[in-house]
Amino acid sequence: MFEQGDGTKLNDEVIQRLAKKFGVNIEGKPVASEENAALKVVLPVAEALKGVGFCPNPKCPSNRAYEVEGRTFYLPDRSAADPVGGKYCAMCGESLVKACPGCGAPVHAGGFCSVCGDPYVVAS
């Protein structure tokens, strides 16, 4: 259900059990578990980019405009806007955003939040 977008059954206890089963602690570092002590954990892309922000300025060169059915959307390039995990955009100097403006969920690659569906960058 979680993989299909229904996170209603996902709580702290379930997360702890899954983390233990797969040998991962919540911070993303390897931990030993009885079932899988030799598991080597590879950090997911989202964890590797944790803390990296995007520029909310639609005119910033780090945001690539594209059209779908006559509507303009923006795809943030987080590596161009925030190559070092800073506070300001490296391309235009705007304050970086590190969470979805709509719901506060951590940002990921892409132009839209997978939790609430809002675009990260909105044309002004």
PDB file of N, CA and C in Angstrom:
ATOM      1  N   MET A   1       0.829  -1.187   0.000  1.00  0.00           N
ATOM      2  CA  MET A   1       0.000   0.000   0.000  1.00  0.00           C
ATOM      3  C   MET A   1       0.872   1.250   0.000  1.00  0.00           C
ATOM      4  N   PHE A   2       1.961   1.224   0.741  1.00  0.00           N
ATOM      5  CA  PHE A   2       2.845   2.388   0.789  1.00  0.00           C
ATOM      6  C   PHE A   2       3.428   2.681  -0.586  1.00  0.00           C
ATOM      7  N   GLU A   3       3.856   1.648  -1.314  1.00  0.00           N
ATOM      8  CA  GLU A   3       4.436   1.845  -2.639  1.00  0.00           C
ATOM      9  C   GLU A   3       3.425   2.410  -3.623  1.00  0.00           C
ATOM     10  N   GLN A   4       2.134   2.217  -3.371  1.00  0.00           N
ATOM     11  CA  GLN A   4       1.089   2.740  -4.242  1.00  0.00           C
ATOM     12  C   GLN A   4       0.591   4.099  -3.778  1.00  0.00           C
ATOM     13  N   GLY A   5       1.245   4.687  -2.777  1.00  0.00           N
ATOM     14  CA  GLY A   5       0.899   6.034  -2.344  1.00  0.00           C
ATOM     15  C   GLY A   5      -0.011   6.108  -1.136  1.00  0.00           C
ATOM     16  N   ASP A   6      -0.417   4.973  -0.559  1.00  0.00           N
ATOM     17  CA  ASP A   6      -1.265   4.979   0.623  1.00  0.00           C
ATOM     18  C   ASP A   6      -0.383   4.738   1.844  1.00  0.00           C
ATOM     19  N   GLY A   7      -0.015   5.809   2.516  1.00  0.00           N
ATOM     20  CA  GLY A   7       0.858   5.698   3.681  1.00  0.00           C
ATOM     21  C   GLY A   7       0.108   5.658   4.999  1.00  0.00           C
ATOM     22  N   THR A   8      -1.194   5.364   4.969  1.00  0.00           N
ATOM     23  CA  THR A   8      -1.999   5.422   6.195  1.00  0.00           C
ATOM     24  C   THR A   8      -1.613   4.352   7.206  1.00  0.00           C
ATOM     25  N   LYS A   9      -1.083   3.230   6.761  1.00  0.00           N
ATOM     26  CA  LYS A   9      -0.705   2.146   7.677  1.00  0.00           C
ATOM     27  C   LYS A   9       0.757   2.252   8.109  1.00  0.00           C
ATOM     28  N   LEU A  10       1.444   3.274   7.628  1.00  0.00           N
ATOM     29  CA  LEU A  10       2.851   3.439   7.934  1.00  0.00           C
ATOM     30  C   LEU A  10       2.996   4.299   9.183  1.00  0.00           C
ATOM     31  N   ASN A  11       3.494   3.710  10.255  1.00  0.00           N
ATOM     32  CA  ASN A  11       3.710   4.455  11.491  1.00  0.00           C
ATOM     33  C   ASN A  11       5.129   4.170  11.980  1.00  0.00           C
ATOM     34  N   ASP A  12       5.506   4.764  13.100  1.00  0.00           N
ATOM     35  CA  ASP A  12       6.873   4.612  13.609  1.00  0.00           C
ATOM     36  C   ASP A  12       7.234   3.153  13.875  1.00  0.00           C
ATOM     37  N   GLU A  13       6.302   2.386  14.410  1.00  0.00           N
ATOM     38  CA  GLU A  13       6.583   0.978  14.722  1.00  0.00           C
ATOM     39  C   GLU A  13       6.873   0.187  13.449  1.00  0.00           C
ATOM     40  N   VAL A  14       6.082   0.399  12.411  1.00  0.00           N
ATOM     41  CA  VAL A  14       6.279  -0.295  11.142  1.00  0.00           C
ATOM     42  C   VAL A  14       7.614   0.118  10.521  1.00  0.00           C
ATOM     43  N   ILE A  15       7.925   1.396  10.571  1.00  0.00           N
ATOM     44  CA  ILE A  15       9.195   1.875  10.030  1.00  0.00           C
ATOM     45  C   ILE A  15      10.367   1.240  10.766  1.00  0.00           C
ATOM     46  N   GLN A  16      10.295   1.176  12.086  1.00  0.00           N
ATOM     47  CA  GLN A  16      11.377   0.565  12.878  1.00  0.00           C
ATOM     48  C   GLN A  16      11.550  -0.912  12.514  1.00  0.00           C
ATOM     49  N   ARG A  17      10.439  -1.648  12.373  1.00  0.00           N
ATOM     50  CA  ARG A  17      10.526  -3.074  12.025  1.00  0.00           C
ATOM     51  C   ARG A  17      11.126  -3.267  10.634  1.00  0.00           C
ATOM     52  N   LEU A  18      10.698  -2.447   9.667  1.00  0.00           N
ATOM     53  CA  LEU A  18      11.256  -2.555   8.321  1.00  0.00           C
ATOM     54  C   LEU A  18      12.743  -2.217   8.311  1.00  0.00           C
ATOM     55  N   ALA A  19      13.105  -1.174   9.026  1.00  0.00           N
ATOM     56  CA  ALA A  19      14.517  -0.781   9.085  1.00  0.00           C
ATOM     57  C   ALA A  19      15.369  -1.894   9.682  1.00  0.00           C
ATOM     58  N   LYS A  20      14.879  -2.504  10.741  1.00  0.00           N
ATOM     59  CA  LYS A  20      15.632  -3.589  11.370  1.00  0.00           C
ATOM     60  C   LYS A  20      15.735  -4.788  10.436  1.00  0.00           C
ATOM     61  N   LYS A  21      14.634  -5.132   9.788  1.00  0.00           N
ATOM     62  CA  LYS A  21      14.628  -6.289   8.884  1.00  0.00           C
ATOM     63  C   LYS A  21      15.626  -6.128   7.745  1.00  0.00           C
ATOM     64  N   PHE A  22      15.723  -4.917   7.200  1.00  0.00           N
ATOM     65  CA  PHE A  22      16.618  -4.688   6.076  1.00  0.00           C
ATOM     66  C   PHE A  22      17.989  -4.169   6.494  1.00  0.00           C
ATOM     67  N   GLY A  23      18.237  -4.085   7.798  1.00  0.00           N
ATOM     68  CA  GLY A  23      19.552  -3.699   8.273  1.00  0.00           C
ATOM     69  C   GLY A  23      19.879  -2.235   8.082  1.00  0.00           C
ATOM     70  N   VAL A  24      18.873  -1.369   8.158  1.00  0.00           N
ATOM     71  CA  VAL A  24      19.062   0.057   7.964  1.00  0.00           C
ATOM     72  C   VAL A  24      18.500   0.801   9.163  1.00  0.00           C
ATOM     73  N   ASN A  25      19.289   1.769   9.684  1.00  0.00           N
ATOM     74  CA  ASN A  25      18.685   2.589  10.724  1.00  0.00           C
ATOM     75  C   ASN A  25      18.039   3.793  10.060  1.00  0.00           C
ATOM     76  N   ILE A  26      17.291   4.547  10.799  1.00  0.00           N
ATOM     77  CA  ILE A  26      16.512   5.639  10.235  1.00  0.00           C
ATOM     78  C   ILE A  26      17.398   6.724   9.626  1.00  0.00           C
ATOM     79  N   GLU A  27      18.615   6.885  10.098  1.00  0.00           N
ATOM     80  CA  GLU A  27      19.532   7.886   9.554  1.00  0.00           C
ATOM     81  C   GLU A  27      20.196   7.415   8.264  1.00  0.00           C
ATOM     82  N   GLY A  28      19.959   6.176   7.851  1.00  0.00           N
ATOM     83  CA  GLY A  28      20.515   5.692   6.596  1.00  0.00           C
ATOM     84  C   GLY A  28      21.870   5.038   6.713  1.00  0.00           C
ATOM     85  N   LYS A  29      22.343   4.767   7.931  1.00  0.00           N
ATOM     86  CA  LYS A  29      23.624   4.108   8.118  1.00  0.00           C
ATOM     87  C   LYS A  29      23.397   2.610   8.316  1.00  0.00           C
ATOM     88  N   PRO A  30      24.335   1.757   7.897  1.00  0.00           N
ATOM     89  CA  PRO A  30      24.155   0.327   8.073  1.00  0.00           C
ATOM     90  C   PRO A  30      24.104  -0.048   9.548  1.00  0.00           C
ATOM     91  N   VAL A  31      23.235  -0.988   9.873  1.00  0.00           N
ATOM     92  CA  VAL A  31      23.171  -1.547  11.223  1.00  0.00           C
ATOM     93  C   VAL A  31      23.067  -3.054  11.097  1.00  0.00           C
ATOM     94  N   ALA A  32      23.466  -3.746  12.144  1.00  0.00           N
ATOM     95  CA  ALA A  32      23.380  -5.201  12.138  1.00  0.00           C
ATOM     96  C   ALA A  32      21.961  -5.623  12.485  1.00  0.00           C
ATOM     97  N   SER A  33      21.495  -6.692  11.878  1.00  0.00           N
ATOM     98  CA  SER A  33      20.212  -7.284  12.242  1.00  0.00           C
ATOM     99  C   SER A  33      20.403  -8.788  12.276  1.00  0.00           C
ATOM    100  N   GLU A  34      19.551  -9.458  13.032  1.00  0.00           N
ATOM    101  CA  GLU A  34      19.674 -10.910  13.142  1.00  0.00           C
ATOM    102  C   GLU A  34      19.472 -11.587  11.792  1.00  0.00           C
ATOM    103  N   GLU A  35      18.511 -11.085  11.002  1.00  0.00           N
ATOM    104  CA  GLU A  35      18.161 -11.730   9.746  1.00  0.00           C
ATOM    105  C   GLU A  35      19.133 -11.413   8.614  1.00  0.00           C
ATOM    106  N   ASN A  36      19.802 -10.272   8.670  1.00  0.00           N
ATOM    107  CA  ASN A  36      20.610  -9.857   7.535  1.00  0.00           C
ATOM    108  C   ASN A  36      21.827  -9.071   7.986  1.00  0.00           C
ATOM    109  N   ALA A  37      22.690  -9.673   8.765  1.00  0.00           N
ATOM    110  CA  ALA A  37      23.828  -8.981   9.346  1.00  0.00           C
ATOM    111  C   ALA A  37      24.851  -8.553   8.302  1.00  0.00           C
ATOM    112  N   ALA A  38      24.926  -9.229   7.174  1.00  0.00           N
ATOM    113  CA  ALA A  38      25.938  -8.915   6.155  1.00  0.00           C
ATOM    114  C   ALA A  38      25.441  -7.931   5.107  1.00  0.00           C
ATOM    115  N   LEU A  39      24.258  -7.406   5.288  1.00  0.00           N
ATOM    116  CA  LEU A  39      23.695  -6.492   4.286  1.00  0.00           C
ATOM    117  C   LEU A  39      24.524  -5.226   4.184  1.00  0.00           C
ATOM    118  N   LYS A  40      24.910  -4.881   2.978  1.00  0.00           N
ATOM    119  CA  LYS A  40      25.587  -3.616   2.719  1.00  0.00           C
ATOM    120  C   LYS A  40      24.533  -2.641   2.218  1.00  0.00           C
ATOM    121  N   VAL A  41      24.361  -1.555   2.934  1.00  0.00           N
ATOM    122  CA  VAL A  41      23.309  -0.613   2.592  1.00  0.00           C
ATOM    123  C   VAL A  41      23.851   0.450   1.663  1.00  0.00           C
ATOM    124  N   VAL A  42      23.178   0.652   0.553  1.00  0.00           N
ATOM    125  CA  VAL A  42      23.499   1.733  -0.364  1.00  0.00           C
ATOM    126  C   VAL A  42      22.462   2.810  -0.128  1.00  0.00           C
ATOM    127  N   LEU A  43      22.929   4.015   0.193  1.00  0.00           N
ATOM    128  CA  LEU A  43      21.992   5.093   0.479  1.00  0.00           C
ATOM    129  C   LEU A  43      21.172   5.418  -0.754  1.00  0.00           C
ATOM    130  N   PRO A  44      19.867   5.566  -0.590  1.00  0.00           N
ATOM    131  CA  PRO A  44      19.058   5.941  -1.743  1.00  0.00           C
ATOM    132  C   PRO A  44      19.394   7.352  -2.211  1.00  0.00           C
ATOM    133  N   VAL A  45      19.009   7.671  -3.431  1.00  0.00           N
ATOM    134  CA  VAL A  45      19.296   8.990  -4.000  1.00  0.00           C
ATOM    135  C   VAL A  45      18.728  10.087  -3.121  1.00  0.00           C
ATOM    136  N   ALA A  46      17.532   9.888  -2.609  1.00  0.00           N
ATOM    137  CA  ALA A  46      16.908  10.907  -1.753  1.00  0.00           C
ATOM    138  C   ALA A  46      17.753  11.173  -0.513  1.00  0.00           C
ATOM    139  N   GLU A  47      18.333  10.146   0.072  1.00  0.00           N
ATOM    140  CA  GLU A  47      19.174  10.329   1.261  1.00  0.00           C
ATOM    141  C   GLU A  47      20.473  11.026   0.890  1.00  0.00           C
ATOM    142  N   ALA A  48      21.030  10.683  -0.272  1.00  0.00           N
ATOM    143  CA  ALA A  48      22.279  11.302  -0.701  1.00  0.00           C
ATOM    144  C   ALA A  48      22.089  12.792  -0.969  1.00  0.00           C
ATOM    145  N   LEU A  49      20.899  13.191  -1.416  1.00  0.00           N
ATOM    146  CA  LEU A  49      20.621  14.593  -1.712  1.00  0.00           C
ATOM    147  C   LEU A  49      19.934  15.301  -0.566  1.00  0.00           C
ATOM    148  N   LYS A  50      19.842  14.646   0.586  1.00  0.00           N
ATOM    149  CA  LYS A  50      19.159  15.242   1.734  1.00  0.00           C
ATOM    150  C   LYS A  50      19.802  16.589   2.070  1.00  0.00           C
ATOM    151  N   GLY A  51      18.981  17.600   2.213  1.00  0.00           N
ATOM    152  CA  GLY A  51      19.477  18.916   2.549  1.00  0.00           C
ATOM    153  C   GLY A  51      19.793  19.781   1.343  1.00  0.00           C
ATOM    154  N   VAL A  52      19.821  19.189   0.147  1.00  0.00           N
ATOM    155  CA  VAL A  52      20.094  19.962  -1.057  1.00  0.00           C
ATOM    156  C   VAL A  52      18.799  20.639  -1.479  1.00  0.00           C
ATOM    157  N   GLY A  53      18.870  21.932  -1.771  1.00  0.00           N
ATOM    158  CA  GLY A  53      17.661  22.676  -2.093  1.00  0.00           C
ATOM    159  C   GLY A  53      17.535  23.000  -3.569  1.00  0.00           C
ATOM    160  N   PHE A  54      16.412  23.617  -3.907  1.00  0.00           N
ATOM    161  CA  PHE A  54      16.176  24.069  -5.267  1.00  0.00           C
ATOM    162  C   PHE A  54      15.835  25.553  -5.222  1.00  0.00           C
ATOM    163  N   CYS A  55      16.020  26.211  -6.349  1.00  0.00           N
ATOM    164  CA  CYS A  55      15.737  27.633  -6.450  1.00  0.00           C
ATOM    165  C   CYS A  55      14.269  27.820  -6.826  1.00  0.00           C
ATOM    166  N   PRO A  56      13.504  28.598  -6.057  1.00  0.00           N
ATOM    167  CA  PRO A  56      12.086  28.797  -6.366  1.00  0.00           C
ATOM    168  C   PRO A  56      11.830  29.848  -7.450  1.00  0.00           C
ATOM    169  N   ASN A  57      12.886  30.502  -7.930  1.00  0.00           N
ATOM    170  CA  ASN A  57      12.759  31.555  -8.931  1.00  0.00           C
ATOM    171  C   ASN A  57      12.574  30.930 -10.316  1.00  0.00           C
ATOM    172  N   PRO A  58      11.382  31.094 -10.945  1.00  0.00           N
ATOM    173  CA  PRO A  58      11.168  30.469 -12.258  1.00  0.00           C
ATOM    174  C   PRO A  58      12.086  31.024 -13.348  1.00  0.00           C
ATOM    175  N   LYS A  59      12.652  32.208 -13.155  1.00  0.00           N
ATOM    176  CA  LYS A  59      13.543  32.804 -14.157  1.00  0.00           C
ATOM    177  C   LYS A  59      15.003  32.396 -13.971  1.00  0.00           C
ATOM    178  N   CYS A  60      15.296  31.651 -12.915  1.00  0.00           N
ATOM    179  CA  CYS A  60      16.669  31.209 -12.647  1.00  0.00           C
ATOM    180  C   CYS A  60      17.109  30.197 -13.708  1.00  0.00           C
ATOM    181  N   PRO A  61      18.350  30.298 -14.182  1.00  0.00           N
ATOM    182  CA  PRO A  61      18.843  29.330 -15.173  1.00  0.00           C
ATOM    183  C   PRO A  61      18.908  27.897 -14.644  1.00  0.00           C
ATOM    184  N   SER A  62      18.831  27.711 -13.319  1.00  0.00           N
ATOM    185  CA  SER A  62      18.856  26.349 -12.785  1.00  0.00           C
ATOM    186  C   SER A  62      17.516  25.639 -12.964  1.00  0.00           C
ATOM    187  N   ASN A  63      16.460  26.376 -13.301  1.00  0.00           N
ATOM    188  CA  ASN A  63      15.142  25.784 -13.532  1.00  0.00           C
ATOM    189  C   ASN A  63      14.864  25.748 -15.024  1.00  0.00           C
ATOM    190  N   ARG A  64      14.682  24.555 -15.557  1.00  0.00           N
ATOM    191  CA  ARG A  64      14.434  24.394 -16.987  1.00  0.00           C
ATOM    192  C   ARG A  64      12.926  24.373 -17.249  1.00  0.00           C
ATOM    193  N   ALA A  65      12.477  25.283 -18.094  1.00  0.00           N
ATOM    194  CA  ALA A  65      11.064  25.349 -18.456  1.00  0.00           C
ATOM    195  C   ALA A  65      10.748  24.271 -19.486  1.00  0.00           C
ATOM    196  N   TYR A  66       9.569  23.673 -19.368  1.00  0.00           N
ATOM    197  CA  TYR A  66       9.089  22.736 -20.373  1.00  0.00           C
ATOM    198  C   TYR A  66       7.568  22.856 -20.453  1.00  0.00           C
ATOM    199  N   GLU A  67       7.011  22.432 -21.572  1.00  0.00           N
ATOM    200  CA  GLU A  67       5.569  22.568 -21.788  1.00  0.00           C
ATOM    201  C   GLU A  67       4.911  21.211 -21.882  1.00  0.00           C
ATOM    202  N   VAL A  68       3.721  21.114 -21.290  1.00  0.00           N
ATOM    203  CA  VAL A  68       2.873  19.939 -21.413  1.00  0.00           C
ATOM    204  C   VAL A  68       1.467  20.441 -21.698  1.00  0.00           C
ATOM    205  N   GLU A  69       0.933  20.074 -22.846  1.00  0.00           N
ATOM    206  CA  GLU A  69      -0.412  20.468 -23.256  1.00  0.00           C
ATOM    207  C   GLU A  69      -0.651  21.972 -23.117  1.00  0.00           C
ATOM    208  N   GLY A  70       0.332  22.752 -23.552  1.00  0.00           N
ATOM    209  CA  GLY A  70       0.210  24.205 -23.542  1.00  0.00           C
ATOM    210  C   GLY A  70       0.473  24.876 -22.207  1.00  0.00           C
ATOM    211  N   ARG A  71       0.775  24.117 -21.172  1.00  0.00           N
ATOM    212  CA  ARG A  71       1.077  24.695 -19.855  1.00  0.00           C
ATOM    213  C   ARG A  71       2.571  24.615 -19.604  1.00  0.00           C
ATOM    214  N   THR A  72       3.128  25.660 -19.021  1.00  0.00           N
ATOM    215  CA  THR A  72       4.560  25.702 -18.733  1.00  0.00           C
ATOM    216  C   THR A  72       4.828  25.233 -17.315  1.00  0.00           C
ATOM    217  N   PHE A  73       5.789  24.331 -17.184  1.00  0.00           N
ATOM    218  CA  PHE A  73       6.233  23.825 -15.886  1.00  0.00           C
ATOM    219  C   PHE A  73       7.743  24.006 -15.805  1.00  0.00           C
ATOM    220  N   TYR A  74       8.290  23.826 -14.609  1.00  0.00           N
ATOM    221  CA  TYR A  74       9.728  23.995 -14.406  1.00  0.00           C
ATOM    222  C   TYR A  74      10.310  22.764 -13.735  1.00  0.00           C
ATOM    223  N   LEU A  75      11.456  22.348 -14.241  1.00  0.00           N
ATOM    224  CA  LEU A  75      12.187  21.233 -13.663  1.00  0.00           C
ATOM    225  C   LEU A  75      13.423  21.786 -12.979  1.00  0.00           C
ATOM    226  N   PRO A  76      13.439  21.793 -11.631  1.00  0.00           N
ATOM    227  CA  PRO A  76      14.609  22.329 -10.928  1.00  0.00           C
ATOM    228  C   PRO A  76      15.821  21.423 -11.085  1.00  0.00           C
ATOM    229  N   ASP A  77      16.958  22.021 -11.332  1.00  0.00           N
ATOM    230  CA  ASP A  77      18.228  21.295 -11.357  1.00  0.00           C
ATOM    231  C   ASP A  77      18.914  21.585 -10.030  1.00  0.00           C
ATOM    232  N   ARG A  78      18.702  20.704  -9.063  1.00  0.00           N
ATOM    233  CA  ARG A  78      19.213  20.939  -7.712  1.00  0.00           C
ATOM    234  C   ARG A  78      20.732  20.960  -7.665  1.00  0.00           C
ATOM    235  N   SER A  79      21.382  20.199  -8.520  1.00  0.00           N
ATOM    236  CA  SER A  79      22.848  20.183  -8.494  1.00  0.00           C
ATOM    237  C   SER A  79      23.419  21.502  -9.010  1.00  0.00           C
ATOM    238  N   ALA A  80      22.710  22.190  -9.912  1.00  0.00           N
ATOM    239  CA  ALA A  80      23.182  23.488 -10.402  1.00  0.00           C
ATOM    240  C   ALA A  80      22.888  24.591  -9.382  1.00  0.00           C
ATOM    241  N   ALA A  81      21.711  24.541  -8.762  1.00  0.00           N
ATOM    242  CA  ALA A  81      21.314  25.583  -7.817  1.00  0.00           C
ATOM    243  C   ALA A  81      22.043  25.452  -6.488  1.00  0.00           C
ATOM    244  N   ASP A  82      22.302  24.213  -6.054  1.00  0.00           N
ATOM    245  CA  ASP A  82      22.855  23.985  -4.721  1.00  0.00           C
ATOM    246  C   ASP A  82      23.921  22.898  -4.754  1.00  0.00           C
ATOM    247  N   PRO A  83      25.067  23.168  -5.381  1.00  0.00           N
ATOM    248  CA  PRO A  83      26.086  22.124  -5.520  1.00  0.00           C
ATOM    249  C   PRO A  83      26.767  21.720  -4.217  1.00  0.00           C
ATOM    250  N   VAL A  84      26.663  22.558  -3.176  1.00  0.00           N
ATOM    251  CA  VAL A  84      27.379  22.256  -1.931  1.00  0.00           C
ATOM    252  C   VAL A  84      26.468  22.198  -0.710  1.00  0.00           C
ATOM    253  N   GLY A  85      25.156  22.204  -0.888  1.00  0.00           N
ATOM    254  CA  GLY A  85      24.255  22.173   0.266  1.00  0.00           C
ATOM    255  C   GLY A  85      24.195  23.508   0.982  1.00  0.00           C
ATOM    256  N   GLY A  86      24.210  24.591   0.223  1.00  0.00           N
ATOM    257  CA  GLY A  86      24.235  25.931   0.804  1.00  0.00           C
ATOM    258  C   GLY A  86      22.865  26.490   1.115  1.00  0.00           C
ATOM    259  N   LYS A  87      22.842  27.796   1.323  1.00  0.00           N
ATOM    260  CA  LYS A  87      21.614  28.497   1.702  1.00  0.00           C
ATOM    261  C   LYS A  87      21.029  29.297   0.541  1.00  0.00           C
ATOM    262  N   TYR A  88      21.879  29.666  -0.409  1.00  0.00           N
ATOM    263  CA  TYR A  88      21.456  30.502  -1.523  1.00  0.00           C
ATOM    264  C   TYR A  88      21.787  29.828  -2.851  1.00  0.00           C
ATOM    265  N   CYS A  89      20.986  30.149  -3.874  1.00  0.00           N
ATOM    266  CA  CYS A  89      21.184  29.582  -5.210  1.00  0.00           C
ATOM    267  C   CYS A  89      22.522  30.043  -5.780  1.00  0.00           C
ATOM    268  N   ALA A  90      23.269  29.094  -6.319  1.00  0.00           N
ATOM    269  CA  ALA A  90      24.567  29.401  -6.924  1.00  0.00           C
ATOM    270  C   ALA A  90      24.405  30.126  -8.252  1.00  0.00           C
ATOM    271  N   MET A  91      23.223  30.065  -8.856  1.00  0.00           N
ATOM    272  CA  MET A  91      23.006  30.670 -10.169  1.00  0.00           C
ATOM    273  C   MET A  91      22.455  32.095 -10.076  1.00  0.00           C
ATOM    274  N   CYS A  92      21.539  32.360  -9.111  1.00  0.00           N
ATOM    275  CA  CYS A  92      20.904  33.686  -9.070  1.00  0.00           C
ATOM    276  C   CYS A  92      20.913  34.332  -7.681  1.00  0.00           C
ATOM    277  N   GLY A  93      21.298  33.601  -6.649  1.00  0.00           N
ATOM    278  CA  GLY A  93      21.382  34.175  -5.314  1.00  0.00           C
ATOM    279  C   GLY A  93      20.105  34.112  -4.499  1.00  0.00           C
ATOM    280  N   GLU A  94      19.034  33.565  -5.045  1.00  0.00           N
ATOM    281  CA  GLU A  94      17.755  33.417  -4.329  1.00  0.00           C
ATOM    282  C   GLU A  94      17.921  32.438  -3.166  1.00  0.00           C
ATOM    283  N   SER A  95      17.154  32.631  -2.093  1.00  0.00           N
ATOM    284  CA  SER A  95      17.161  31.675  -0.976  1.00  0.00           C
ATOM    285  C   SER A  95      16.630  30.337  -1.465  1.00  0.00           C
ATOM    286  N   LEU A  96      17.343  29.258  -1.163  1.00  0.00           N
ATOM    287  CA  LEU A  96      16.952  27.925  -1.603  1.00  0.00           C
ATOM    288  C   LEU A  96      15.807  27.376  -0.762  1.00  0.00           C
ATOM    289  N   VAL A  97      15.018  26.515  -1.365  1.00  0.00           N
ATOM    290  CA  VAL A  97      13.919  25.833  -0.690  1.00  0.00           C
ATOM    291  C   VAL A  97      14.314  24.367  -0.573  1.00  0.00           C
ATOM    292  N   LYS A  98      14.191  23.802   0.628  1.00  0.00           N
ATOM    293  CA  LYS A  98      14.622  22.424   0.842  1.00  0.00           C
ATOM    294  C   LYS A  98      13.476  21.485   1.199  1.00  0.00           C
ATOM    295  N   ALA A  99      12.243  21.995   1.119  1.00  0.00           N
ATOM    296  CA  ALA A  99      11.055  21.178   1.362  1.00  0.00           C
ATOM    297  C   ALA A  99       9.953  21.655   0.424  1.00  0.00           C
ATOM    298  N   CYS A 100       8.996  20.803   0.172  1.00  0.00           N
ATOM    299  CA  CYS A 100       7.880  21.160  -0.704  1.00  0.00           C
ATOM    300  C   CYS A 100       7.162  22.382  -0.147  1.00  0.00           C
ATOM    301  N   PRO A 101       6.962  23.415  -0.969  1.00  0.00           N
ATOM    302  CA  PRO A 101       6.253  24.601  -0.496  1.00  0.00           C
ATOM    303  C   PRO A 101       4.798  24.306  -0.116  1.00  0.00           C
ATOM    304  N   GLY A 102       4.214  23.261  -0.704  1.00  0.00           N
ATOM    305  CA  GLY A 102       2.817  22.939  -0.440  1.00  0.00           C
ATOM    306  C   GLY A 102       2.585  22.158   0.842  1.00  0.00           C
ATOM    307  N   CYS A 103       3.412  21.115   1.080  1.00  0.00           N
ATOM    308  CA  CYS A 103       3.149  20.234   2.223  1.00  0.00           C
ATOM    309  C   CYS A 103       4.334  20.062   3.165  1.00  0.00           C
ATOM    310  N   GLY A 104       5.512  20.544   2.778  1.00  0.00           N
ATOM    311  CA  GLY A 104       6.681  20.431   3.652  1.00  0.00           C
ATOM    312  C   GLY A 104       7.442  19.126   3.534  1.00  0.00           C
ATOM    313  N   ALA A 105       7.039  18.239   2.619  1.00  0.00           N
ATOM    314  CA  ALA A 105       7.745  16.969   2.429  1.00  0.00           C
ATOM    315  C   ALA A 105       9.134  17.239   1.853  1.00  0.00           C
ATOM    316  N   PRO A 106      10.118  16.371   2.133  1.00  0.00           N
ATOM    317  CA  PRO A 106      11.449  16.556   1.557  1.00  0.00           C
ATOM    318  C   PRO A 106      11.377  16.535   0.026  1.00  0.00           C
ATOM    319  N   VAL A 107      12.145  17.412  -0.616  1.00  0.00           N
ATOM    320  CA  VAL A 107      12.138  17.456  -2.075  1.00  0.00           C
ATOM    321  C   VAL A 107      12.926  16.290  -2.645  1.00  0.00           C
ATOM    322  N   HIS A 108      12.634  15.946  -3.865  1.00  0.00           N
ATOM    323  CA  HIS A 108      13.310  14.865  -4.571  1.00  0.00           C
ATOM    324  C   HIS A 108      13.529  15.319  -6.002  1.00  0.00           C
ATOM    325  N   ALA A 109      14.157  14.485  -6.787  1.00  0.00           N
ATOM    326  CA  ALA A 109      14.352  14.825  -8.193  1.00  0.00           C
ATOM    327  C   ALA A 109      12.985  14.921  -8.865  1.00  0.00           C
ATOM    328  N   GLY A 110      12.826  15.873  -9.741  1.00  0.00           N
ATOM    329  CA  GLY A 110      11.562  16.058 -10.437  1.00  0.00           C
ATOM    330  C   GLY A 110      11.034  17.455 -10.209  1.00  0.00           C
ATOM    331  N   GLY A 111       9.930  17.766 -10.845  1.00  0.00           N
ATOM    332  CA  GLY A 111       9.354  19.092 -10.754  1.00  0.00           C
ATOM    333  C   GLY A 111       8.138  19.192  -9.859  1.00  0.00           C
ATOM    334  N   PHE A 112       7.619  18.037  -9.417  1.00  0.00           N
ATOM    335  CA  PHE A 112       6.408  18.025  -8.610  1.00  0.00           C
ATOM    336  C   PHE A 112       6.604  17.180  -7.360  1.00  0.00           C
ATOM    337  N   CYS A 113       5.931  17.564  -6.280  1.00  0.00           N
ATOM    338  CA  CYS A 113       5.976  16.809  -5.029  1.00  0.00           C
ATOM    339  C   CYS A 113       5.185  15.520  -5.208  1.00  0.00           C
ATOM    340  N   SER A 114       5.761  14.400  -4.826  1.00  0.00           N
ATOM    341  CA  SER A 114       5.061  13.126  -4.956  1.00  0.00           C
ATOM    342  C   SER A 114       4.085  12.896  -3.807  1.00  0.00           C
ATOM    343  N   VAL A 115       4.103  13.763  -2.799  1.00  0.00           N
ATOM    344  CA  VAL A 115       3.179  13.625  -1.669  1.00  0.00           C
ATOM    345  C   VAL A 115       1.901  14.406  -1.932  1.00  0.00           C
ATOM    346  N   CYS A 116       2.026  15.700  -2.281  1.00  0.00           N
ATOM    347  CA  CYS A 116       0.824  16.524  -2.457  1.00  0.00           C
ATOM    348  C   CYS A 116       0.534  16.879  -3.917  1.00  0.00           C
ATOM    349  N   GLY A 117       1.492  16.666  -4.823  1.00  0.00           N
ATOM    350  CA  GLY A 117       1.277  16.928  -6.235  1.00  0.00           C
ATOM    351  C   GLY A 117       1.529  18.362  -6.680  1.00  0.00           C
ATOM    352  N   ASP A 118       1.909  19.244  -5.751  1.00  0.00           N
ATOM    353  CA  ASP A 118       2.180  20.631  -6.106  1.00  0.00           C
ATOM    354  C   ASP A 118       3.503  20.763  -6.854  1.00  0.00           C
ATOM    355  N   PRO A 119       3.599  21.718  -7.784  1.00  0.00           N
ATOM    356  CA  PRO A 119       4.883  21.967  -8.446  1.00  0.00           C
ATOM    357  C   PRO A 119       5.842  22.643  -7.468  1.00  0.00           C
ATOM    358  N   TYR A 120       7.118  22.338  -7.598  1.00  0.00           N
ATOM    359  CA  TYR A 120       8.127  22.975  -6.758  1.00  0.00           C
ATOM    360  C   TYR A 120       8.324  24.438  -7.136  1.00  0.00           C
ATOM    361  N   VAL A 121       8.375  24.710  -8.425  1.00  0.00           N
ATOM    362  CA  VAL A 121       8.603  26.069  -8.927  1.00  0.00           C
ATOM    363  C   VAL A 121       7.334  26.530  -9.638  1.00  0.00           C
ATOM    364  N   VAL A 122       6.844  27.689  -9.238  1.00  0.00           N
ATOM    365  CA  VAL A 122       5.603  28.218  -9.820  1.00  0.00           C
ATOM    366  C   VAL A 122       5.925  29.507 -10.555  1.00  0.00           C
ATOM    367  N   ALA A 123       5.393  29.637 -11.766  1.00  0.00           N
ATOM    368  CA  ALA A 123       5.592  30.877 -12.537  1.00  0.00           C
ATOM    369  C   ALA A 123       4.893  32.022 -11.825  1.00  0.00           C
ATOM    370  N   SER A 124       5.572  33.164 -11.755  1.00  0.00           N
ATOM    371  CA  SER A 124       4.984  34.318 -11.060  1.00  0.00           C
ATOM    372  C   SER A 124       4.145  35.156 -11.969  1.00  0.00           C
TER     373      SER A 124
END
